[in-house]
């Protein structure tokens, strides 16, 4: 029952289509304007959609609330999430005959919508807990495989600035050996969109059995989540079983930025001088903004 409810919420276009006969005349005009070009509708202002449908703005607002949206902006976010699925192994909303403008626009819109959905689902208490573990760590190790490998490397790039030993590994055998040698004081962050990769789960179990703290950035209802010390639950409507990981990777990169910011703030204002010194060390490696000066 819960799965079906999620699918109905995400598939707003199908819901509009199925309810056409139950809508009044003005509402059907709004529905028609949206269904004619859903991608264009995500770019409309409420006034533009009202003009396209030849109705008033209050009618558009009533239409949106009739589909469980809090208002027109919320409705547009849900609409972006629901643009029809298409070519497998590329992107969920991409069609074979899409132009460069079409697929660029679709990817941007679906990523924005997915980020907003992840924002709403993120638990501030979980963020605070993970930041506390990272602050206390003697060393931090990031694990990520496949599409999550680049996220683990980005995390290493962010966290090396914090005067804590940090490393990142994408190879399953290396992860397993690192987990076997981990112990109390070590914090291992396992990044996995699905949380169902067998090697990731086994490495997390091994590290935790040796006394390490294991943080999962993953689906909260996954096998990986069950074996971690704590979990920062991240979900996205993206189906990585069939499609190339796109928005899920962007969401994880954003979560890493959130955690890095949390650690920076937790360290206090004195730590900012250290970060400033690290940043200023790069000045000599760059051409000036204005070559004439």
C-alpha atoms as a PDB file:
ATOM      1  CA  UNK A   1       0.000   0.000   0.000  1.00  0.00           C
ATOM      2  CA  UNK A   2       2.781   2.454   0.918  1.00  0.00           C
ATOM      3  CA  UNK A   3       4.692   1.794  -2.321  1.00  0.00           C
ATOM      4  CA  UNK A   4       1.586   2.472  -4.403  1.00  0.00           C
ATOM      5  CA  UNK A   5       1.012   5.736  -2.573  1.00  0.00           C
ATOM      6  CA  UNK A   6       4.535   6.898  -3.355  1.00  0.00           C
ATOM      7  CA  UNK A   7       4.122   6.056  -7.003  1.00  0.00           C
ATOM      8  CA  UNK A   8       0.848   7.984  -7.244  1.00  0.00           C
ATOM      9  CA  UNK A   9       2.458  11.015  -5.642  1.00  0.00           C
ATOM     10  CA  UNK A  10       5.367  10.957  -8.055  1.00  0.00           C
ATOM     11  CA  UNK A  11       3.305  10.255 -11.173  1.00  0.00           C
ATOM     12  CA  UNK A  12       1.327  13.468 -11.170  1.00  0.00           C
ATOM     13  CA  UNK A  13       0.817  13.457 -14.956  1.00  0.00           C
ATOM     14  CA  UNK A  14      -0.926  10.098 -14.809  1.00  0.00           C
ATOM     15  CA  UNK A  15      -3.090  11.302 -11.937  1.00  0.00           C
ATOM     16  CA  UNK A  16      -4.169  14.375 -13.920  1.00  0.00           C
ATOM     17  CA  UNK A  17      -4.975  12.223 -16.934  1.00  0.00           C
ATOM     18  CA  UNK A  18      -6.996   9.752 -14.876  1.00  0.00           C
ATOM     19  CA  UNK A  19      -9.033  12.487 -13.197  1.00  0.00           C
ATOM     20  CA  UNK A  20      -9.924  14.493 -16.312  1.00  0.00           C
ATOM     21  CA  UNK A  21     -13.542  13.347 -16.315  1.00  0.00           C
ATOM     22  CA  UNK A  22     -14.035  14.413 -12.701  1.00  0.00           C
ATOM     23  CA  UNK A  23     -12.760  17.976 -13.240  1.00  0.00           C
ATOM     24  CA  UNK A  24     -15.017  20.920 -13.957  1.00  0.00           C
ATOM     25  CA  UNK A  25     -14.746  22.849 -17.227  1.00  0.00           C
ATOM     26  CA  UNK A  26     -12.169  25.385 -16.003  1.00  0.00           C
ATOM     27  CA  UNK A  27     -10.036  22.745 -14.312  1.00  0.00           C
ATOM     28  CA  UNK A  28     -10.033  20.673 -17.505  1.00  0.00           C
ATOM     29  CA  UNK A  29      -8.632  23.695 -19.336  1.00  0.00           C
ATOM     30  CA  UNK A  30      -5.755  23.862 -16.852  1.00  0.00           C
ATOM     31  CA  UNK A  31      -5.183  20.111 -17.163  1.00  0.00           C
ATOM     32  CA  UNK A  32      -5.192  20.369 -20.957  1.00  0.00           C
ATOM     33  CA  UNK A  33      -2.600  23.161 -20.956  1.00  0.00           C
ATOM     34  CA  UNK A  34      -0.337  21.073 -18.726  1.00  0.00           C
ATOM     35  CA  UNK A  35      -0.767  17.797 -20.596  1.00  0.00           C
ATOM     36  CA  UNK A  36      -0.086  19.439 -23.992  1.00  0.00           C
ATOM     37  CA  UNK A  37       3.464  20.308 -22.919  1.00  0.00           C
ATOM     38  CA  UNK A  38       4.402  19.240 -19.360  1.00  0.00           C
ATOM     39  CA  UNK A  39       8.004  20.464 -19.669  1.00  0.00           C
ATOM     40  CA  UNK A  40       6.853  23.931 -20.708  1.00  0.00           C
ATOM     41  CA  UNK A  41       4.355  23.968 -17.832  1.00  0.00           C
ATOM     42  CA  UNK A  42       7.198  23.563 -15.326  1.00  0.00           C
ATOM     43  CA  UNK A  43       8.632  26.857 -16.618  1.00  0.00           C
ATOM     44  CA  UNK A  44       5.384  28.831 -16.524  1.00  0.00           C
ATOM     45  CA  UNK A  45       4.538  31.434 -13.941  1.00  0.00           C
ATOM     46  CA  UNK A  46       1.037  31.081 -12.540  1.00  0.00           C
ATOM     47  CA  UNK A  47      -0.029  33.974 -14.760  1.00  0.00           C
ATOM     48  CA  UNK A  48       1.451  32.317 -17.855  1.00  0.00           C
ATOM     49  CA  UNK A  49      -0.329  29.022 -17.147  1.00  0.00           C
ATOM     50  CA  UNK A  50      -3.588  30.898 -16.546  1.00  0.00           C
ATOM     51  CA  UNK A  51      -3.218  32.591 -19.951  1.00  0.00           C
ATOM     52  CA  UNK A  52      -2.346  29.298 -21.676  1.00  0.00           C
ATOM     53  CA  UNK A  53      -5.443  27.682 -20.189  1.00  0.00           C
ATOM     54  CA  UNK A  54      -7.643  30.786 -20.635  1.00  0.00           C
ATOM     55  CA  UNK A  55      -8.658  30.764 -16.975  1.00  0.00           C
ATOM     56  CA  UNK A  56      -8.044  32.957 -13.942  1.00  0.00           C
ATOM     57  CA  UNK A  57      -5.065  32.632 -11.587  1.00  0.00           C
ATOM     58  CA  UNK A  58      -7.312  31.600  -8.644  1.00  0.00           C
ATOM     59  CA  UNK A  59      -8.578  28.740 -10.843  1.00  0.00           C
ATOM     60  CA  UNK A  60      -4.996  27.557 -11.360  1.00  0.00           C
ATOM     61  CA  UNK A  61      -4.391  27.721  -7.609  1.00  0.00           C
ATOM     62  CA  UNK A  62      -7.544  25.702  -6.882  1.00  0.00           C
ATOM     63  CA  UNK A  63      -6.463  23.150  -9.479  1.00  0.00           C
ATOM     64  CA  UNK A  64      -3.053  22.753  -7.817  1.00  0.00           C
ATOM     65  CA  UNK A  65      -4.530  22.336  -4.348  1.00  0.00           C
ATOM     66  CA  UNK A  66      -6.913  19.745  -5.775  1.00  0.00           C
ATOM     67  CA  UNK A  67      -3.843  17.598  -6.490  1.00  0.00           C
ATOM     68  CA  UNK A  68      -2.526  17.868  -2.912  1.00  0.00           C
ATOM     69  CA  UNK A  69      -0.052  20.669  -3.683  1.00  0.00           C
ATOM     70  CA  UNK A  70       0.378  23.523  -1.217  1.00  0.00           C
ATOM     71  CA  UNK A  71       0.439  25.979  -4.101  1.00  0.00           C
ATOM     72  CA  UNK A  72       1.668  26.519  -7.635  1.00  0.00           C
ATOM     73  CA  UNK A  73       5.440  26.323  -6.835  1.00  0.00           C
ATOM     74  CA  UNK A  74       4.936  23.002  -5.028  1.00  0.00           C
ATOM     75  CA  UNK A  75       2.802  21.756  -7.926  1.00  0.00           C
ATOM     76  CA  UNK A  76       5.576  22.591 -10.426  1.00  0.00           C
ATOM     77  CA  UNK A  77       8.138  20.658  -8.392  1.00  0.00           C
ATOM     78  CA  UNK A  78       5.882  17.589  -8.372  1.00  0.00           C
ATOM     79  CA  UNK A  79       5.237  18.043 -12.086  1.00  0.00           C
ATOM     80  CA  UNK A  80       8.976  18.074 -12.797  1.00  0.00           C
ATOM     81  CA  UNK A  81       9.296  14.817 -10.853  1.00  0.00           C
ATOM     82  CA  UNK A  82       6.550  13.250 -12.928  1.00  0.00           C
ATOM     83  CA  UNK A  83       7.606  14.027 -16.515  1.00  0.00           C
ATOM     84  CA  UNK A  84       7.035  10.819 -18.443  1.00  0.00           C
ATOM     85  CA  UNK A  85       9.639   8.053 -18.263  1.00  0.00           C
ATOM     86  CA  UNK A  86      11.539   7.103 -21.408  1.00  0.00           C
ATOM     87  CA  UNK A  87      14.812   5.602 -22.637  1.00  0.00           C
ATOM     88  CA  UNK A  88      16.309   2.999 -20.247  1.00  0.00           C
ATOM     89  CA  UNK A  89      20.013   3.234 -19.312  1.00  0.00           C
ATOM     90  CA  UNK A  90      20.142   6.967 -20.100  1.00  0.00           C
ATOM     91  CA  UNK A  91      17.676   8.947 -17.992  1.00  0.00           C
ATOM     92  CA  UNK A  92      14.170   8.352 -16.755  1.00  0.00           C
ATOM     93  CA  UNK A  93      12.573  11.290 -18.538  1.00  0.00           C
ATOM     94  CA  UNK A  94      14.587  11.172 -21.777  1.00  0.00           C
ATOM     95  CA  UNK A  95      13.000  10.162 -25.081  1.00  0.00           C
ATOM     96  CA  UNK A  96      14.875   8.977 -28.203  1.00  0.00           C
ATOM     97  CA  UNK A  97      13.712  11.952 -30.286  1.00  0.00           C
ATOM     98  CA  UNK A  98      14.519  14.635 -27.687  1.00  0.00           C
ATOM     99  CA  UNK A  99      16.530  17.616 -28.931  1.00  0.00           C
ATOM    100  CA  UNK A 100      19.543  18.935 -26.996  1.00  0.00           C
ATOM    101  CA  UNK A 101      17.293  21.636 -25.579  1.00  0.00           C
ATOM    102  CA  UNK A 102      14.712  19.035 -24.514  1.00  0.00           C
ATOM    103  CA  UNK A 103      17.000  16.642 -22.680  1.00  0.00           C
ATOM    104  CA  UNK A 104      19.105  19.412 -21.119  1.00  0.00           C
ATOM    105  CA  UNK A 105      15.943  21.021 -19.761  1.00  0.00           C
ATOM    106  CA  UNK A 106      14.519  17.736 -18.504  1.00  0.00           C
ATOM    107  CA  UNK A 107      17.694  16.762 -16.665  1.00  0.00           C
ATOM    108  CA  UNK A 108      17.964  20.189 -15.018  1.00  0.00           C
ATOM    109  CA  UNK A 109      14.304  20.164 -13.934  1.00  0.00           C
ATOM    110  CA  UNK A 110      14.314  16.598 -12.624  1.00  0.00           C
ATOM    111  CA  UNK A 111      17.535  17.257 -10.684  1.00  0.00           C
ATOM    112  CA  UNK A 112      16.077  20.373  -9.081  1.00  0.00           C
ATOM    113  CA  UNK A 113      12.927  18.469  -8.156  1.00  0.00           C
ATOM    114  CA  UNK A 114      14.898  15.540  -6.718  1.00  0.00           C
ATOM    115  CA  UNK A 115      17.073  17.867  -4.654  1.00  0.00           C
ATOM    116  CA  UNK A 116      14.003  19.541  -3.207  1.00  0.00           C
ATOM    117  CA  UNK A 117      12.450  16.193  -2.319  1.00  0.00           C
ATOM    118  CA  UNK A 118      15.699  15.119  -0.622  1.00  0.00           C
ATOM    119  CA  UNK A 119      15.794  18.455   1.248  1.00  0.00           C
ATOM    120  CA  UNK A 120      12.357  17.803   2.691  1.00  0.00           C
ATOM    121  CA  UNK A 121      13.271  14.254   3.726  1.00  0.00           C
ATOM    122  CA  UNK A 122      16.620  15.024   5.403  1.00  0.00           C
ATOM    123  CA  UNK A 123      16.457  14.716   9.179  1.00  0.00           C
ATOM    124  CA  UNK A 124      18.296  17.596  10.965  1.00  0.00           C
ATOM    125  CA  UNK A 125      18.879  15.430  14.043  1.00  0.00           C
ATOM    126  CA  UNK A 126      20.588  12.787  11.899  1.00  0.00           C
ATOM    127  CA  UNK A 127      22.781  15.453  10.312  1.00  0.00           C
ATOM    128  CA  UNK A 128      23.809  16.713  13.756  1.00  0.00           C
ATOM    129  CA  UNK A 129      24.593  13.162  14.925  1.00  0.00           C
ATOM    130  CA  UNK A 130      26.756  12.423  11.887  1.00  0.00           C
ATOM    131  CA  UNK A 131      28.617  15.732  12.277  1.00  0.00           C
ATOM    132  CA  UNK A 132      29.368  14.844  15.926  1.00  0.00           C
ATOM    133  CA  UNK A 133      30.816  11.478  14.890  1.00  0.00           C
ATOM    134  CA  UNK A 134      32.961  13.158  12.214  1.00  0.00           C
ATOM    135  CA  UNK A 135      34.249  15.765  14.680  1.00  0.00           C
ATOM    136  CA  UNK A 136      35.315  13.040  17.135  1.00  0.00           C
ATOM    137  CA  UNK A 137      36.988  10.779  14.549  1.00  0.00           C
ATOM    138  CA  UNK A 138      40.718  10.056  14.693  1.00  0.00           C
ATOM    139  CA  UNK A 139      40.563   9.321  10.994  1.00  0.00           C
ATOM    140  CA  UNK A 140      37.770   9.409   8.408  1.00  0.00           C
ATOM    141  CA  UNK A 141      37.514   6.934   5.548  1.00  0.00           C
ATOM    142  CA  UNK A 142      34.988   7.208   2.725  1.00  0.00           C
ATOM    143  CA  UNK A 143      33.787   4.147   0.801  1.00  0.00           C
ATOM    144  CA  UNK A 144      31.920   4.420  -2.490  1.00  0.00           C
ATOM    145  CA  UNK A 145      31.582   2.140  -5.498  1.00  0.00           C
ATOM    146  CA  UNK A 146      30.211   2.679  -8.983  1.00  0.00           C
ATOM    147  CA  UNK A 147      28.381   6.000  -9.189  1.00  0.00           C
ATOM    148  CA  UNK A 148      29.166   6.647  -5.517  1.00  0.00           C
ATOM    149  CA  UNK A 149      32.944   6.457  -6.055  1.00  0.00           C
ATOM    150  CA  UNK A 150      33.102  10.036  -7.329  1.00  0.00           C
ATOM    151  CA  UNK A 151      31.137  11.173  -4.267  1.00  0.00           C
ATOM    152  CA  UNK A 152      33.652   9.466  -1.959  1.00  0.00           C
ATOM    153  CA  UNK A 153      36.528  11.205  -3.772  1.00  0.00           C
ATOM    154  CA  UNK A 154      34.768  14.559  -3.488  1.00  0.00           C
ATOM    155  CA  UNK A 155      34.304  13.933   0.236  1.00  0.00           C
ATOM    156  CA  UNK A 156      38.032  13.271   0.616  1.00  0.00           C
ATOM    157  CA  UNK A 157      38.749  16.540  -1.214  1.00  0.00           C
ATOM    158  CA  UNK A 158      36.454  18.435   1.182  1.00  0.00           C
ATOM    159  CA  UNK A 159      37.464  16.791   4.456  1.00  0.00           C
ATOM    160  CA  UNK A 160      41.259  16.743   4.101  1.00  0.00           C
ATOM    161  CA  UNK A 161      41.184  20.436   5.087  1.00  0.00           C
ATOM    162  CA  UNK A 162      39.993  19.642   8.624  1.00  0.00           C
ATOM    163  CA  UNK A 163      43.306  18.484  10.107  1.00  0.00           C
ATOM    164  CA  UNK A 164      41.992  14.922  10.396  1.00  0.00           C
ATOM    165  CA  UNK A 165      43.536  12.057   8.393  1.00  0.00           C
ATOM    166  CA  UNK A 166      41.112  11.265   5.573  1.00  0.00           C
ATOM    167  CA  UNK A 167      41.076   8.850   2.641  1.00  0.00           C
ATOM    168  CA  UNK A 168      38.664   7.426   0.075  1.00  0.00           C
ATOM    169  CA  UNK A 169      38.442   3.972  -1.540  1.00  0.00           C
ATOM    170  CA  UNK A 170      36.345   2.690  -4.431  1.00  0.00           C
ATOM    171  CA  UNK A 171      37.794  -0.820  -4.843  1.00  0.00           C
ATOM    172  CA  UNK A 172      35.816  -3.528  -3.031  1.00  0.00           C
ATOM    173  CA  UNK A 173      38.900  -5.512  -1.963  1.00  0.00           C
ATOM    174  CA  UNK A 174      40.657  -2.409  -0.628  1.00  0.00           C
ATOM    175  CA  UNK A 175      37.511  -1.481   1.281  1.00  0.00           C
ATOM    176  CA  UNK A 176      37.372  -4.924   2.813  1.00  0.00           C
ATOM    177  CA  UNK A 177      41.022  -4.790   3.928  1.00  0.00           C
ATOM    178  CA  UNK A 178      40.616  -1.275   5.339  1.00  0.00           C
ATOM    179  CA  UNK A 179      37.513  -2.421   7.240  1.00  0.00           C
ATOM    180  CA  UNK A 180      39.416  -5.411   8.631  1.00  0.00           C
ATOM    181  CA  UNK A 181      42.142  -3.112   9.964  1.00  0.00           C
ATOM    182  CA  UNK A 182      39.811  -0.437  11.327  1.00  0.00           C
ATOM    183  CA  UNK A 183      39.189   0.012  15.029  1.00  0.00           C
ATOM    184  CA  UNK A 184      37.931   2.277  17.784  1.00  0.00           C
ATOM    185  CA  UNK A 185      38.357   5.934  16.815  1.00  0.00           C
ATOM    186  CA  UNK A 186      38.062   5.274  13.099  1.00  0.00           C
ATOM    187  CA  UNK A 187      34.979   6.534  11.288  1.00  0.00           C
ATOM    188  CA  UNK A 188      34.040   4.929   7.993  1.00  0.00           C
ATOM    189  CA  UNK A 189      31.412   6.629   5.824  1.00  0.00           C
ATOM    190  CA  UNK A 190      29.784   4.238   3.344  1.00  0.00           C
ATOM    191  CA  UNK A 191      28.027   5.993   0.457  1.00  0.00           C
ATOM    192  CA  UNK A 192      25.511   3.932  -1.508  1.00  0.00           C
ATOM    193  CA  UNK A 193      22.306   5.047  -3.201  1.00  0.00           C
ATOM    194  CA  UNK A 194      20.607   1.645  -3.074  1.00  0.00           C
ATOM    195  CA  UNK A 195      22.271   0.321   0.090  1.00  0.00           C
ATOM    196  CA  UNK A 196      22.041  -3.155  -1.424  1.00  0.00           C
ATOM    197  CA  UNK A 197      25.558  -3.661  -2.811  1.00  0.00           C
ATOM    198  CA  UNK A 198      26.755  -6.839  -1.124  1.00  0.00           C
ATOM    199  CA  UNK A 199      30.414  -5.797  -0.808  1.00  0.00           C
ATOM    200  CA  UNK A 200      29.471  -2.467   0.807  1.00  0.00           C
ATOM    201  CA  UNK A 201      27.256  -4.151   3.378  1.00  0.00           C
ATOM    202  CA  UNK A 202      29.897  -6.780   4.215  1.00  0.00           C
ATOM    203  CA  UNK A 203      32.649  -4.153   4.616  1.00  0.00           C
ATOM    204  CA  UNK A 204      30.408  -2.069   6.865  1.00  0.00           C
ATOM    205  CA  UNK A 205      29.654  -5.117   9.033  1.00  0.00           C
ATOM    206  CA  UNK A 206      33.338  -5.995   9.251  1.00  0.00           C
ATOM    207  CA  UNK A 207      34.397  -2.467  10.229  1.00  0.00           C
ATOM    208  CA  UNK A 208      31.737  -2.174  12.883  1.00  0.00           C
ATOM    209  CA  UNK A 209      32.583  -5.582  14.374  1.00  0.00           C
ATOM    210  CA  UNK A 210      36.141  -4.278  14.838  1.00  0.00           C
ATOM    211  CA  UNK A 211      34.934  -1.259  16.822  1.00  0.00           C
ATOM    212  CA  UNK A 212      34.876   1.391  14.109  1.00  0.00           C
ATOM    213  CA  UNK A 213      32.033   3.869  13.777  1.00  0.00           C
ATOM    214  CA  UNK A 214      30.198   3.256  10.500  1.00  0.00           C
ATOM    215  CA  UNK A 215      28.060   5.998   8.969  1.00  0.00           C
ATOM    216  CA  UNK A 216      25.767   5.161   6.079  1.00  0.00           C
ATOM    217  CA  UNK A 217      24.704   7.778   3.542  1.00  0.00           C
ATOM    218  CA  UNK A 218      22.108   5.603   1.898  1.00  0.00           C
ATOM    219  CA  UNK A 219      18.509   4.491   1.606  1.00  0.00           C
ATOM    220  CA  UNK A 220      17.218   4.240   5.205  1.00  0.00           C
ATOM    221  CA  UNK A 221      15.302   1.034   4.411  1.00  0.00           C
ATOM    222  CA  UNK A 222      18.266  -0.900   3.037  1.00  0.00           C
ATOM    223  CA  UNK A 223      20.504  -3.766   4.217  1.00  0.00           C
ATOM    224  CA  UNK A 224      23.388  -1.291   4.543  1.00  0.00           C
ATOM    225  CA  UNK A 225      21.360   0.939   6.860  1.00  0.00           C
ATOM    226  CA  UNK A 226      20.713  -2.030   9.166  1.00  0.00           C
ATOM    227  CA  UNK A 227      24.422  -2.638   9.865  1.00  0.00           C
ATOM    228  CA  UNK A 228      25.614   0.957  10.324  1.00  0.00           C
ATOM    229  CA  UNK A 229      26.188   2.766  13.601  1.00  0.00           C
ATOM    230  CA  UNK A 230      24.063   5.637  12.320  1.00  0.00           C
ATOM    231  CA  UNK A 231      22.422   6.489   9.013  1.00  0.00           C
ATOM    232  CA  UNK A 232      21.826   9.699   7.141  1.00  0.00           C
ATOM    233  CA  UNK A 233      18.837   8.584   5.114  1.00  0.00           C
ATOM    234  CA  UNK A 234      18.837   9.846   1.533  1.00  0.00           C
ATOM    235  CA  UNK A 235      16.131   8.946  -0.946  1.00  0.00           C
ATOM    236  CA  UNK A 236      15.410   9.962  -4.533  1.00  0.00           C
ATOM    237  CA  UNK A 237      12.764   8.892  -7.069  1.00  0.00           C
ATOM    238  CA  UNK A 238      15.519   7.843  -9.465  1.00  0.00           C
ATOM    239  CA  UNK A 239      15.504   4.168 -10.532  1.00  0.00           C
ATOM    240  CA  UNK A 240      19.180   3.211 -10.707  1.00  0.00           C
ATOM    241  CA  UNK A 241      18.282  -0.399 -11.515  1.00  0.00           C
ATOM    242  CA  UNK A 242      17.501   0.664 -15.083  1.00  0.00           C
ATOM    243  CA  UNK A 243      18.743   4.212 -15.568  1.00  0.00           C
ATOM    244  CA  UNK A 244      22.108   5.937 -15.379  1.00  0.00           C
ATOM    245  CA  UNK A 245      22.603   7.495 -11.901  1.00  0.00           C
ATOM    246  CA  UNK A 246      22.079  11.244 -12.284  1.00  0.00           C
ATOM    247  CA  UNK A 247      20.160  13.098  -9.588  1.00  0.00           C
ATOM    248  CA  UNK A 248      21.061  10.543  -6.889  1.00  0.00           C
ATOM    249  CA  UNK A 249      24.750  11.382  -7.315  1.00  0.00           C
ATOM    250  CA  UNK A 250      24.037  15.128  -7.156  1.00  0.00           C
ATOM    251  CA  UNK A 251      22.018  14.630  -3.965  1.00  0.00           C
ATOM    252  CA  UNK A 252      24.873  12.721  -2.331  1.00  0.00           C
ATOM    253  CA  UNK A 253      27.390  15.420  -3.347  1.00  0.00           C
ATOM    254  CA  UNK A 254      25.118  18.010  -1.756  1.00  0.00           C
ATOM    255  CA  UNK A 255      24.885  15.953   1.439  1.00  0.00           C
ATOM    256  CA  UNK A 256      28.698  15.888   1.600  1.00  0.00           C
ATOM    257  CA  UNK A 257      28.692  19.691   1.328  1.00  0.00           C
ATOM    258  CA  UNK A 258      26.162  19.852   4.186  1.00  0.00           C
ATOM    259  CA  UNK A 259      28.334  17.645   6.405  1.00  0.00           C
ATOM    260  CA  UNK A 260      31.517  19.558   5.557  1.00  0.00           C
ATOM    261  CA  UNK A 261      29.764  22.809   6.461  1.00  0.00           C
ATOM    262  CA  UNK A 262      28.493  21.268   9.697  1.00  0.00           C
ATOM    263  CA  UNK A 263      32.001  20.196  10.689  1.00  0.00           C
ATOM    264  CA  UNK A 264      33.377  23.657   9.861  1.00  0.00           C
ATOM    265  CA  UNK A 265      30.762  25.397  12.021  1.00  0.00           C
ATOM    266  CA  UNK A 266      31.265  22.910  14.856  1.00  0.00           C
ATOM    267  CA  UNK A 267      34.998  23.627  14.897  1.00  0.00           C
ATOM    268  CA  UNK A 268      34.256  27.276  15.706  1.00  0.00           C
ATOM    269  CA  UNK A 269      35.446  30.619  14.323  1.00  0.00           C
ATOM    270  CA  UNK A 270      39.114  30.020  15.170  1.00  0.00           C
ATOM    271  CA  UNK A 271      39.200  27.152  12.668  1.00  0.00           C
ATOM    272  CA  UNK A 272      38.289  29.517   9.833  1.00  0.00           C
ATOM    273  CA  UNK A 273      41.828  30.909   9.902  1.00  0.00           C
ATOM    274  CA  UNK A 274      43.138  27.449   9.056  1.00  0.00           C
ATOM    275  CA  UNK A 275      40.734  27.119   6.119  1.00  0.00           C
ATOM    276  CA  UNK A 276      41.676  30.600   4.928  1.00  0.00           C
ATOM    277  CA  UNK A 277      45.373  29.677   4.997  1.00  0.00           C
ATOM    278  CA  UNK A 278      44.711  26.526   2.953  1.00  0.00           C
ATOM    279  CA  UNK A 279      42.736  28.530   0.394  1.00  0.00           C
ATOM    280  CA  UNK A 280      45.288  31.307   0.133  1.00  0.00           C
ATOM    281  CA  UNK A 281      48.020  28.768  -0.617  1.00  0.00           C
ATOM    282  CA  UNK A 282      46.440  28.373  -4.064  1.00  0.00           C
ATOM    283  CA  UNK A 283      46.776  32.023  -5.076  1.00  0.00           C
ATOM    284  CA  UNK A 284      50.262  31.570  -6.490  1.00  0.00           C
ATOM    285  CA  UNK A 285      49.041  28.770  -8.777  1.00  0.00           C
ATOM    286  CA  UNK A 286      46.443  30.900 -10.594  1.00  0.00           C
ATOM    287  CA  UNK A 287      46.525  33.596 -13.234  1.00  0.00           C
ATOM    288  CA  UNK A 288      45.002  36.869 -12.025  1.00  0.00           C
ATOM    289  CA  UNK A 289      41.364  37.554 -12.836  1.00  0.00           C
ATOM    290  CA  UNK A 290      42.437  40.519 -14.981  1.00  0.00           C
ATOM    291  CA  UNK A 291      45.527  39.513 -17.041  1.00  0.00           C
ATOM    292  CA  UNK A 292      46.354  43.190 -17.704  1.00  0.00           C
ATOM    293  CA  UNK A 293      47.059  43.702 -13.993  1.00  0.00           C
END
